[in-house]
Amino acid sequence: MQSPILRKLFLGFIQIHILHHAKKEPVFGTFMIDELKSHGYDISPGTLYPIFHKLEKAELLTMESRVVDGKIRKYYSITQKGDEILSQAKAKAKELTHEL
């Protein structure tokens, strides 16, 4: 079982990861679950979508619905504010990594 402190830290890393990929191109749930899994994060849709919604509410992401293979898929893109936050987070991560 993961400690609450470690879980909170990992959720921060996941948010940065989402912003990073949303800057490259619009992202959707299944893509992010697979991408995060490739980095050792086992995240369910029930955890991921509230993160998407929180980032959207904070105006760091925007959401666009598209029809793909007859189904509606929600795509998330980074906003200018999200890009600024991502830049700040990357700078802090580099500083911390250098120190560690």
N, C-alpha and C. Protein backbone atom coordinates (compact mmCIF):
# COMPACT_ATOMS: atom_id res chain seq x y z
N MET A 1 0.84 -1.19 0.00
CA MET A 1 0.00 0.00 0.00
C MET A 1 0.88 1.25 0.00
N GLN A 2 0.50 2.22 -0.80
CA GLN A 2 1.26 3.45 -0.94
C GLN A 2 0.89 4.44 0.18
N SER A 3 1.90 5.11 0.72
CA SER A 3 1.63 6.09 1.77
C SER A 3 0.92 7.30 1.17
N PRO A 4 0.10 8.00 1.96
CA PRO A 4 -0.61 9.18 1.45
C PRO A 4 0.35 10.26 0.95
N ILE A 5 1.49 10.43 1.60
CA ILE A 5 2.46 11.44 1.18
C ILE A 5 3.03 11.08 -0.20
N LEU A 6 3.42 9.81 -0.36
CA LEU A 6 3.98 9.37 -1.63
C LEU A 6 2.94 9.48 -2.74
N ARG A 7 1.71 9.13 -2.44
CA ARG A 7 0.62 9.25 -3.43
C ARG A 7 0.46 10.70 -3.87
N LYS A 8 0.50 11.63 -2.93
CA LYS A 8 0.35 13.04 -3.26
C LYS A 8 1.51 13.52 -4.15
N LEU A 9 2.73 13.08 -3.84
CA LEU A 9 3.88 13.44 -4.67
C LEU A 9 3.72 12.89 -6.08
N PHE A 10 3.32 11.62 -6.18
CA PHE A 10 3.15 11.00 -7.50
C PHE A 10 2.05 11.69 -8.30
N LEU A 11 0.97 12.13 -7.65
CA LEU A 11 -0.09 12.84 -8.36
C LEU A 11 0.44 14.15 -8.95
N GLY A 12 1.36 14.80 -8.24
CA GLY A 12 1.99 16.00 -8.78
C GLY A 12 2.83 15.68 -10.01
N PHE A 13 3.58 14.58 -9.95
CA PHE A 13 4.38 14.16 -11.10
C PHE A 13 3.48 13.84 -12.29
N ILE A 14 2.36 13.18 -12.01
CA ILE A 14 1.42 12.82 -13.07
C ILE A 14 0.85 14.07 -13.74
N GLN A 15 0.53 15.08 -12.95
CA GLN A 15 0.00 16.32 -13.51
C GLN A 15 1.03 16.98 -14.43
N ILE A 16 2.28 17.00 -14.01
CA ILE A 16 3.35 17.56 -14.85
C ILE A 16 3.47 16.74 -16.13
N HIS A 17 3.39 15.44 -16.00
CA HIS A 17 3.49 14.56 -17.16
C HIS A 17 2.36 14.83 -18.15
N ILE A 18 1.15 15.00 -17.64
CA ILE A 18 0.00 15.30 -18.50
C ILE A 18 0.23 16.61 -19.24
N LEU A 19 0.64 17.64 -18.52
CA LEU A 19 0.88 18.94 -19.15
C LEU A 19 1.97 18.84 -20.22
N HIS A 20 3.02 18.07 -19.91
CA HIS A 20 4.12 17.88 -20.86
C HIS A 20 3.60 17.30 -22.18
N HIS A 21 2.80 16.26 -22.10
CA HIS A 21 2.30 15.62 -23.32
C HIS A 21 1.24 16.46 -24.01
N ALA A 22 0.41 17.16 -23.22
CA ALA A 22 -0.62 18.02 -23.80
C ALA A 22 -0.02 19.21 -24.53
N LYS A 23 1.23 19.54 -24.20
CA LYS A 23 1.92 20.60 -24.93
C LYS A 23 2.34 20.11 -26.31
N LYS A 24 2.71 18.84 -26.41
CA LYS A 24 3.14 18.27 -27.69
C LYS A 24 1.97 18.10 -28.66
N GLU A 25 0.85 17.59 -28.13
CA GLU A 25 -0.34 17.34 -28.93
C GLU A 25 -1.50 17.06 -27.97
N PRO A 26 -2.74 17.23 -28.44
CA PRO A 26 -3.87 16.91 -27.57
C PRO A 26 -3.81 15.45 -27.10
N VAL A 27 -4.15 15.23 -25.83
CA VAL A 27 -4.09 13.88 -25.25
C VAL A 27 -5.48 13.44 -24.83
N PHE A 28 -5.65 12.12 -24.70
CA PHE A 28 -6.91 11.55 -24.23
C PHE A 28 -6.60 10.46 -23.22
N GLY A 29 -7.62 10.02 -22.53
CA GLY A 29 -7.46 9.12 -21.39
C GLY A 29 -6.64 7.87 -21.63
N THR A 30 -7.02 7.08 -22.61
CA THR A 30 -6.32 5.82 -22.85
C THR A 30 -4.85 6.05 -23.18
N PHE A 31 -4.58 7.08 -23.98
CA PHE A 31 -3.19 7.40 -24.30
C PHE A 31 -2.41 7.69 -23.03
N MET A 32 -2.97 8.55 -22.16
CA MET A 32 -2.24 8.93 -20.95
C MET A 32 -2.08 7.76 -19.99
N ILE A 33 -3.08 6.91 -19.88
CA ILE A 33 -2.96 5.72 -19.01
C ILE A 33 -1.81 4.85 -19.50
N ASP A 34 -1.75 4.61 -20.81
CA ASP A 34 -0.66 3.80 -21.38
C ASP A 34 0.69 4.48 -21.21
N GLU A 35 0.74 5.78 -21.47
CA GLU A 35 1.99 6.53 -21.34
C GLU A 35 2.49 6.50 -19.90
N LEU A 36 1.60 6.75 -18.97
CA LEU A 36 2.00 6.73 -17.56
C LEU A 36 2.42 5.33 -17.12
N LYS A 37 1.74 4.32 -17.64
CA LYS A 37 2.10 2.93 -17.31
C LYS A 37 3.52 2.62 -17.76
N SER A 38 3.92 3.19 -18.91
CA SER A 38 5.27 2.94 -19.42
C SER A 38 6.34 3.56 -18.51
N HIS A 39 5.91 4.45 -17.62
CA HIS A 39 6.83 5.07 -16.66
C HIS A 39 6.61 4.54 -15.24
N GLY A 40 5.85 3.45 -15.11
CA GLY A 40 5.68 2.80 -13.82
C GLY A 40 4.49 3.26 -13.00
N TYR A 41 3.65 4.12 -13.55
CA TYR A 41 2.45 4.58 -12.84
C TYR A 41 1.27 3.72 -13.25
N ASP A 42 0.62 3.09 -12.28
CA ASP A 42 -0.57 2.29 -12.55
C ASP A 42 -1.77 3.14 -12.15
N ILE A 43 -2.37 3.80 -13.13
CA ILE A 43 -3.44 4.75 -12.86
C ILE A 43 -4.71 4.31 -13.59
N SER A 44 -5.82 4.41 -12.90
CA SER A 44 -7.11 4.01 -13.48
C SER A 44 -7.82 5.23 -14.06
N PRO A 45 -8.81 5.00 -14.92
CA PRO A 45 -9.60 6.12 -15.42
C PRO A 45 -10.27 6.90 -14.28
N GLY A 46 -10.64 6.20 -13.21
CA GLY A 46 -11.27 6.85 -12.06
C GLY A 46 -10.34 7.79 -11.31
N THR A 47 -9.05 7.64 -11.51
CA THR A 47 -8.07 8.58 -10.94
C THR A 47 -7.67 9.62 -11.97
N LEU A 48 -7.51 9.20 -13.23
CA LEU A 48 -7.03 10.10 -14.27
C LEU A 48 -8.02 11.20 -14.62
N TYR A 49 -9.29 10.85 -14.83
CA TYR A 49 -10.24 11.86 -15.28
C TYR A 49 -10.47 12.97 -14.28
N PRO A 50 -10.51 12.70 -12.98
CA PRO A 50 -10.58 13.82 -12.04
C PRO A 50 -9.35 14.75 -12.13
N ILE A 51 -8.19 14.19 -12.46
CA ILE A 51 -6.99 15.03 -12.66
C ILE A 51 -7.18 15.91 -13.89
N PHE A 52 -7.66 15.32 -14.99
CA PHE A 52 -7.96 16.12 -16.18
C PHE A 52 -8.92 17.26 -15.83
N HIS A 53 -9.99 16.93 -15.10
CA HIS A 53 -11.00 17.93 -14.76
C HIS A 53 -10.43 19.02 -13.86
N LYS A 54 -9.57 18.63 -12.93
CA LYS A 54 -8.93 19.61 -12.04
C LYS A 54 -8.03 20.56 -12.84
N LEU A 55 -7.27 20.01 -13.77
CA LEU A 55 -6.38 20.83 -14.60
C LEU A 55 -7.20 21.74 -15.54
N GLU A 56 -8.32 21.23 -16.00
CA GLU A 56 -9.20 22.04 -16.85
C GLU A 56 -9.83 23.18 -16.02
N LYS A 57 -10.29 22.86 -14.83
CA LYS A 57 -10.90 23.87 -13.96
C LYS A 57 -9.89 24.96 -13.60
N ALA A 58 -8.63 24.58 -13.45
CA ALA A 58 -7.56 25.54 -13.14
C ALA A 58 -7.10 26.30 -14.39
N GLU A 59 -7.73 26.02 -15.52
CA GLU A 59 -7.43 26.66 -16.80
C GLU A 59 -6.03 26.34 -17.31
N LEU A 60 -5.55 25.14 -16.98
CA LEU A 60 -4.26 24.67 -17.47
C LEU A 60 -4.45 23.80 -18.72
N LEU A 61 -5.64 23.24 -18.87
CA LEU A 61 -6.00 22.44 -20.04
C LEU A 61 -7.35 22.91 -20.56
N THR A 62 -7.56 22.69 -21.85
CA THR A 62 -8.90 22.84 -22.43
C THR A 62 -9.30 21.48 -22.98
N MET A 63 -10.61 21.25 -23.04
CA MET A 63 -11.11 19.97 -23.52
C MET A 63 -11.94 20.18 -24.78
N GLU A 64 -11.76 19.26 -25.73
CA GLU A 64 -12.53 19.25 -26.97
C GLU A 64 -13.03 17.83 -27.20
N SER A 65 -14.32 17.69 -27.44
CA SER A 65 -14.88 16.37 -27.76
C SER A 65 -14.80 16.14 -29.25
N ARG A 66 -14.36 14.93 -29.63
CA ARG A 66 -14.30 14.54 -31.03
C ARG A 66 -14.91 13.15 -31.17
N VAL A 67 -15.52 12.89 -32.30
CA VAL A 67 -16.05 11.57 -32.58
C VAL A 67 -14.96 10.74 -33.25
N VAL A 68 -14.61 9.61 -32.62
CA VAL A 68 -13.58 8.71 -33.14
C VAL A 68 -14.18 7.30 -33.17
N ASP A 69 -14.25 6.72 -34.35
CA ASP A 69 -14.83 5.38 -34.52
C ASP A 69 -16.24 5.30 -33.92
N GLY A 70 -17.02 6.36 -34.12
CA GLY A 70 -18.40 6.37 -33.65
C GLY A 70 -18.59 6.68 -32.18
N LYS A 71 -17.49 6.93 -31.47
CA LYS A 71 -17.58 7.22 -30.04
C LYS A 71 -17.00 8.61 -29.78
N ILE A 72 -17.53 9.26 -28.74
CA ILE A 72 -17.00 10.56 -28.36
C ILE A 72 -15.76 10.36 -27.51
N ARG A 73 -14.69 11.04 -27.92
CA ARG A 73 -13.43 10.98 -27.16
C ARG A 73 -13.09 12.41 -26.76
N LYS A 74 -12.69 12.59 -25.51
CA LYS A 74 -12.31 13.91 -25.01
C LYS A 74 -10.81 14.10 -25.14
N TYR A 75 -10.43 15.15 -25.83
CA TYR A 75 -9.02 15.50 -26.02
C TYR A 75 -8.71 16.73 -25.18
N TYR A 76 -7.55 16.70 -24.53
CA TYR A 76 -7.12 17.79 -23.68
C TYR A 76 -5.85 18.42 -24.25
N SER A 77 -5.87 19.76 -24.35
CA SER A 77 -4.74 20.53 -24.85
C SER A 77 -4.30 21.52 -23.79
N ILE A 78 -3.02 21.84 -23.80
CA ILE A 78 -2.48 22.79 -22.82
C ILE A 78 -2.90 24.21 -23.20
N THR A 79 -3.11 25.04 -22.20
CA THR A 79 -3.41 26.45 -22.41
C THR A 79 -2.12 27.25 -22.22
N GLN A 80 -2.18 28.54 -22.49
CA GLN A 80 -1.01 29.39 -22.25
C GLN A 80 -0.64 29.37 -20.76
N LYS A 81 -1.65 29.45 -19.91
CA LYS A 81 -1.40 29.38 -18.46
C LYS A 81 -0.77 28.03 -18.09
N GLY A 82 -1.27 26.95 -18.69
CA GLY A 82 -0.71 25.63 -18.44
C GLY A 82 0.73 25.53 -18.87
N ASP A 83 1.04 26.15 -20.02
CA ASP A 83 2.41 26.16 -20.53
C ASP A 83 3.33 26.91 -19.57
N GLU A 84 2.86 28.01 -19.03
CA GLU A 84 3.66 28.78 -18.07
C GLU A 84 3.90 27.97 -16.79
N ILE A 85 2.86 27.31 -16.31
CA ILE A 85 3.00 26.47 -15.11
C ILE A 85 3.95 25.31 -15.38
N LEU A 86 3.84 24.70 -16.56
CA LEU A 86 4.73 23.60 -16.92
C LEU A 86 6.18 24.07 -16.94
N SER A 87 6.43 25.24 -17.50
CA SER A 87 7.80 25.77 -17.53
C SER A 87 8.35 25.96 -16.11
N GLN A 88 7.53 26.49 -15.22
CA GLN A 88 7.95 26.68 -13.83
C GLN A 88 8.21 25.33 -13.15
N ALA A 89 7.32 24.36 -13.40
CA ALA A 89 7.48 23.04 -12.80
C ALA A 89 8.74 22.35 -13.30
N LYS A 90 9.03 22.47 -14.59
CA LYS A 90 10.24 21.88 -15.16
C LYS A 90 11.49 22.49 -14.53
N ALA A 91 11.48 23.80 -14.35
CA ALA A 91 12.64 24.48 -13.74
C ALA A 91 12.87 23.97 -12.32
N LYS A 92 11.78 23.82 -11.56
CA LYS A 92 11.90 23.34 -10.18
C LYS A 92 12.34 21.88 -10.16
N ALA A 93 11.83 21.08 -11.10
CA ALA A 93 12.22 19.67 -11.17
C ALA A 93 13.69 19.52 -11.50
N LYS A 94 14.19 20.34 -12.44
CA LYS A 94 15.61 20.30 -12.79
C LYS A 94 16.47 20.71 -11.60
N GLU A 95 16.05 21.74 -10.89
CA GLU A 95 16.79 22.18 -9.72
C GLU A 95 16.85 21.08 -8.66
N LEU A 96 15.71 20.43 -8.42
CA LEU A 96 15.65 19.36 -7.42
C LEU A 96 16.49 18.16 -7.86
N THR A 97 16.36 17.77 -9.14
CA THR A 97 17.13 16.65 -9.65
C THR A 97 18.63 16.90 -9.52
N HIS A 98 19.05 18.12 -9.83
CA HIS A 98 20.47 18.48 -9.71
C HIS A 98 20.93 18.36 -8.25
N GLU A 99 20.08 18.80 -7.34
CA GLU A 99 20.44 18.76 -5.92
C GLU A 99 20.50 17.33 -5.38
N LEU A 100 19.59 16.48 -5.86
CA LEU A 100 19.57 15.11 -5.38
C LEU A 100 20.75 14.33 -5.95
